[in-house]
Amino acid sequence: MRAYSLGYLTGNGVDPVTAVTIAAEHGYDMVSFRLLPAGPGDTLYPLLEDDTLLREVKAALRDTGVSMADAEMIRLGAETTIADFTPFLDRIAALGARHVLVAVDDPDPVRSQDTYSALCARLGTYRLTADLEFMPWTGVKDLAHARRMVETADHPSAAVLFDSLHFDRCGSTLEEFADLPPSLMNYVQICDGPVPYDPSDAELIRIARTVRMIPGEGGIDLASIAALVPKDMTVSVEVPNHALAASVGASEVARRALEATKTLLGD
């Protein structure tokens, strides 16, 4: 049976204990937490440093049976030192994480490949995977580039992270997705998004972080994407929509998003 994870952003700002509670209430199997910032100004709950919060989250996971799917996020830049991520890796290992979301900011393809390959080796010692997300405004802009990096790393921890919003915006094709071996993926992220849209980096980022849409309510060709998602592939439901959450509440957004995603995928 396919597993569904409550993406970190789908919590729309709730604390990690509340995220676990919401996930359990609405039938998610897993949950995602962000312990490292996605960009400047990203405000996080102190799960990385606060031992009391760590114990509370571990208790919530134990009591509900929800498990931790992925941790966000490692960004690889020109000056990245892999050893600097050790506290983060120790922390998410304690939470039972399986995957780490990875983004590349370094524009140098040779250096970024070396750094990613080194990260895969490091994560392998924790039995974690390095799930490389392609995003149009980053150093890895499309599916083809992400696949090349994963195949070049040639490590059990290396994987492509497919996100329906970024796929729709980056120029990659359904044929490329269909050709991607399922063994190179651990999970996919599903949401809808506005179409048409402003293709500037600033607007792409704003939509990705705050204005995604529940599947079926936007303009992305999700039916064609869904037909290519392997039947047993874990799905992370990722619907940050701050305006909707302010209107109906974060829990209701999570409920609607899961229901719509399951309908899309025939579950």
Foldseek 3Di string as FASTA:
>chain_A
DAAEEAEQLLLQDDALLVQLVLCLVQPHQEYEAEQDDPDPPRDHDNLLPDVVVLVSNLVSCVVRVRAYEEYDAAEAEPPDDLVVCVSVLVSVLVRVYAEHEYEYAYLDLVSSLVVVLVNQVVVVVSNHAYAYEAACVGSRPADVSLVVSQVVSVHQRAAYEAEQLSHQLRPDDLVSLLPDDPSRHQAYEYFAFAPPFDNDPVRSVCCQNANTHAPPPHDGPLLSVLVRPDPHHHYYYNGHHNVVCVVPNSSVSSNRNVVSVCVSNVD
